[in-house]
Protein backbone atom coordinates (compact mmCIF):
# COMPACT_ATOMS: atom_id res chain seq x y z
CA UNK A 1 39.92 -16.46 15.28
CA UNK A 2 39.63 -18.29 12.04
CA UNK A 3 35.96 -19.39 12.61
CA UNK A 4 35.15 -16.69 13.39
CA UNK A 5 36.94 -15.05 9.56
CA UNK A 6 35.42 -18.35 8.36
CA UNK A 7 31.53 -17.77 9.21
CA UNK A 8 32.24 -13.77 8.09
CA UNK A 9 33.04 -14.70 4.79
CA UNK A 10 29.87 -17.75 4.91
CA UNK A 11 27.57 -14.82 5.69
CA UNK A 12 29.60 -13.16 2.82
CA UNK A 13 28.98 -16.10 0.46
CA UNK A 14 24.61 -15.98 1.60
CA UNK A 15 24.40 -12.91 1.91
CA UNK A 16 25.80 -12.25 -2.11
CA UNK A 17 23.66 -15.10 -3.01
CA UNK A 18 20.34 -14.44 -1.73
CA UNK A 19 20.87 -11.00 -3.36
CA UNK A 20 21.12 -12.53 -6.97
CA UNK A 21 18.28 -14.76 -6.54
CA UNK A 22 16.74 -11.43 -5.22
CA UNK A 23 17.76 -9.35 -8.87
CA UNK A 24 16.35 -12.89 -11.06
CA UNK A 25 13.27 -12.93 -9.45
CA UNK A 26 11.75 -9.33 -8.52
CA UNK A 27 13.51 -7.40 -12.16
CA UNK A 28 11.76 -4.42 -14.12
CA UNK A 29 9.85 -6.02 -17.16
CA UNK A 30 11.30 -7.04 -19.69
CA UNK A 31 9.46 -6.92 -23.29
CA UNK A 32 10.07 -9.47 -25.22
CA UNK A 33 9.56 -9.49 -30.12
CA UNK A 34 10.70 -10.61 -32.90
CA UNK A 35 13.76 -12.39 -32.64
CA UNK A 36 14.46 -10.47 -29.40
CA UNK A 37 12.21 -13.57 -28.40
CA UNK A 38 14.84 -16.62 -28.23
CA UNK A 39 13.23 -18.66 -25.30
CA UNK A 40 9.75 -19.67 -24.33
CA UNK A 41 6.70 -19.24 -26.99
CA UNK A 42 7.84 -16.43 -29.97
CA UNK A 43 6.24 -13.53 -30.93
CA UNK A 44 4.14 -14.51 -33.99
CA UNK A 45 3.57 -18.52 -33.54
CA UNK A 46 1.12 -20.56 -31.62
CA UNK A 47 1.39 -20.14 -27.75
CA UNK A 48 1.58 -23.61 -26.84
CA UNK A 49 -1.37 -25.62 -25.72
CA UNK A 50 -1.78 -26.83 -22.47
CA UNK A 51 -4.42 -28.84 -19.95
CA UNK A 52 -4.43 -28.00 -16.41
CA UNK A 53 -7.07 -28.05 -13.71
CA UNK A 54 -7.97 -25.14 -11.83
CA UNK A 55 -9.09 -24.08 -8.25
CA UNK A 56 -13.14 -25.04 -9.96
CA UNK A 57 -11.87 -28.74 -10.27
CA UNK A 58 -12.36 -28.11 -14.47
CA UNK A 59 -9.59 -28.50 -16.96
CA UNK A 60 -9.08 -25.28 -18.92
CA UNK A 61 -7.26 -25.61 -22.62
CA UNK A 62 -6.01 -22.98 -24.91
CA UNK A 63 -7.46 -24.02 -26.81
CA UNK A 64 -11.04 -23.74 -25.38
CA UNK A 65 -10.15 -20.07 -26.01
CA UNK A 66 -9.82 -20.15 -29.77
CA UNK A 67 -11.62 -16.88 -30.50
CA UNK A 68 -10.98 -15.05 -27.99
CA UNK A 69 -7.89 -13.50 -26.61
CA UNK A 70 -5.97 -14.12 -24.09
CA UNK A 71 -3.66 -12.72 -21.23
CA UNK A 72 -1.64 -16.53 -20.17
CA UNK A 73 0.18 -14.93 -15.97
CA UNK A 74 2.43 -16.95 -14.39
CA UNK A 75 2.69 -16.91 -11.20
CA UNK A 76 3.20 -18.23 -6.58
CA UNK A 77 1.89 -16.82 -4.21
CA UNK A 78 4.88 -16.59 -2.89
CA UNK A 79 6.12 -14.45 -4.82
CA UNK A 80 7.05 -10.43 -3.61
CA UNK A 81 6.63 -9.29 -6.98
CA UNK A 82 3.18 -11.41 -8.29
CA UNK A 83 1.44 -9.93 -4.82
CA UNK A 84 3.00 -6.25 -6.07
CA UNK A 85 0.43 -6.82 -10.30
CA UNK A 86 -1.74 -8.98 -8.47
CA UNK A 87 -4.84 -6.09 -7.65
CA UNK A 88 -3.85 -4.42 -10.76
CA UNK A 89 -4.76 -8.01 -12.61
CA UNK A 90 -8.01 -8.54 -10.90
CA UNK A 91 -8.71 -4.19 -11.36
CA UNK A 92 -8.07 -5.55 -15.68
CA UNK A 93 -10.49 -8.19 -15.52
CA UNK A 94 -13.47 -6.42 -14.51
CA UNK A 95 -12.46 -3.79 -17.28
CA UNK A 96 -11.37 -5.97 -19.69
CA UNK A 97 -13.21 -9.50 -18.45
CA UNK A 98 -15.78 -9.37 -21.29
CA UNK A 99 -13.21 -9.05 -23.77
CA UNK A 100 -10.41 -11.01 -23.03
CA UNK A 101 -9.63 -14.00 -20.89
CA UNK A 102 -6.74 -13.92 -18.03
CA UNK A 103 -6.28 -17.45 -17.03
CA UNK A 104 -3.11 -17.32 -13.82
CA UNK A 105 -1.31 -20.11 -13.91
CA UNK A 106 -0.04 -21.03 -10.50
CA UNK A 107 3.04 -22.69 -10.22
CA UNK A 108 2.22 -25.13 -8.15
CA UNK A 109 5.09 -27.59 -8.69
CA UNK A 110 7.15 -25.08 -6.06
CA UNK A 111 3.56 -23.37 -4.49
CA UNK A 112 1.11 -25.70 -3.25
CA UNK A 113 -3.08 -25.66 -3.67
CA UNK A 114 -3.63 -23.95 -0.76
CA UNK A 115 -1.81 -21.25 -0.52
CA UNK A 116 -2.43 -20.45 -4.56
CA UNK A 117 -6.07 -20.52 -3.65
CA UNK A 118 -6.16 -18.22 -0.26
CA UNK A 119 -3.73 -15.98 -2.74
CA UNK A 120 -6.72 -15.82 -5.07
CA UNK A 121 -9.27 -15.04 -2.55
CA UNK A 122 -6.76 -12.67 -1.16
CA UNK A 123 -6.57 -10.80 -4.41
CA UNK A 124 -10.59 -11.26 -5.60
CA UNK A 125 -9.98 -13.05 -8.66
CA UNK A 126 -12.85 -13.68 -11.01
CA UNK A 127 -11.02 -15.98 -13.49
CA UNK A 128 -9.58 -18.98 -13.71
CA UNK A 129 -6.35 -20.23 -11.60
CA UNK A 130 -5.16 -22.78 -12.87
CA UNK A 131 -2.69 -25.72 -10.90
CA UNK A 132 0.18 -26.49 -13.21
CA UNK A 133 0.83 -29.89 -10.67
CA UNK A 134 3.08 -31.11 -13.01
CA UNK A 135 5.21 -28.41 -14.04
CA UNK A 136 4.40 -28.48 -17.45
CA UNK A 137 3.59 -25.24 -18.66
CA UNK A 138 5.10 -23.22 -16.90
CA UNK A 139 8.20 -26.01 -18.77
CA UNK A 140 6.18 -25.60 -22.84
CA UNK A 141 6.60 -21.42 -21.73
CA UNK A 142 9.76 -22.43 -20.64
CA UNK A 143 8.74 -19.44 -17.62
CA UNK A 144 12.63 -17.87 -15.79
CA UNK A 145 11.90 -15.38 -13.75
CA UNK A 146 7.96 -14.37 -11.91
CA UNK A 147 5.23 -13.06 -12.54
CA UNK A 148 5.92 -14.24 -16.41
CA UNK A 149 3.17 -13.05 -18.59
CA UNK A 150 1.77 -14.02 -22.51
CA UNK A 151 -0.74 -11.72 -25.25
CA UNK A 152 -2.44 -14.58 -26.81
CA UNK A 153 -4.41 -13.32 -29.86
CA UNK A 154 -8.24 -15.13 -30.72
CA UNK A 155 -6.14 -17.31 -33.11
CA UNK A 156 -3.51 -18.51 -30.52
CA UNK A 157 -0.93 -17.43 -31.76
CA UNK A 158 1.55 -14.87 -29.42
CA UNK A 159 1.90 -11.03 -29.63
CA UNK A 160 3.33 -10.12 -26.23
CA UNK A 161 5.44 -11.24 -23.75
CA UNK A 162 6.02 -9.92 -20.01
CA UNK A 163 8.55 -10.56 -17.77
CA UNK A 164 8.48 -9.37 -14.67
CA UNK A 165 5.77 -6.93 -12.96
CA UNK A 166 3.54 -5.07 -14.37
CA UNK A 167 1.87 -1.95 -12.92
CA UNK A 168 -1.54 -0.66 -13.68
CA UNK A 169 -0.56 1.07 -16.11
CA UNK A 170 1.52 -1.70 -18.16
CA UNK A 171 -1.41 -3.61 -17.75
CA UNK A 172 -3.51 -1.28 -19.97
CA UNK A 173 -1.03 -0.90 -22.72
CA UNK A 174 -0.27 -4.76 -23.00
CA UNK A 175 -4.23 -5.13 -23.02
CA UNK A 176 -4.91 -2.81 -25.63
CA UNK A 177 -2.24 -2.98 -27.89
CA UNK A 178 -3.56 -7.10 -27.88
CA UNK A 179 -6.98 -5.92 -28.35
CA UNK A 180 -5.27 -3.83 -31.44
CA UNK A 181 -4.06 -6.69 -33.33
CA UNK A 182 -7.26 -8.76 -32.48
CA UNK A 183 -9.23 -5.91 -34.61
CA UNK A 184 -6.55 -5.79 -37.25
CA UNK A 185 -7.29 -9.52 -37.44
CA UNK A 186 -10.79 -9.15 -38.11
């Protein structure tokens, strides 16, 4: 009888831990601005620089995109919310690819290049997919929930942050905000 109660208690604890983990990974998008963003890159400040290899074996860094707005999306192939938003991100590129540079940063330290390649092929990513094999970029951006997305203006400053999944309408809204911020800089 005692071993049955012990097993039941262990299952209860395991269930609670899994539920909490699920809530941490799949949360509604949180849009941060100004003083609310007290972790990670700050809105209005320069986005942290990084240099990462892409799936195409080229090296990418944020500096090379100065003069053009950039969307940096952190994701992993095993992340259910990342799978949910991937089609909308691919559509966004088809619509705004000439106006905005999208960089999809795979958390390869917790994933694998093969799974990242399969994911990006499956969802038709036509923009650079970068491999954060050492976790340096995710550490610089203090990534906690995934997906996490940062909107960076043509001068390299963060204009917005979204923690969590974005649907097609959310991507559209955030991209329009980014483009308007860039027009104001001209």
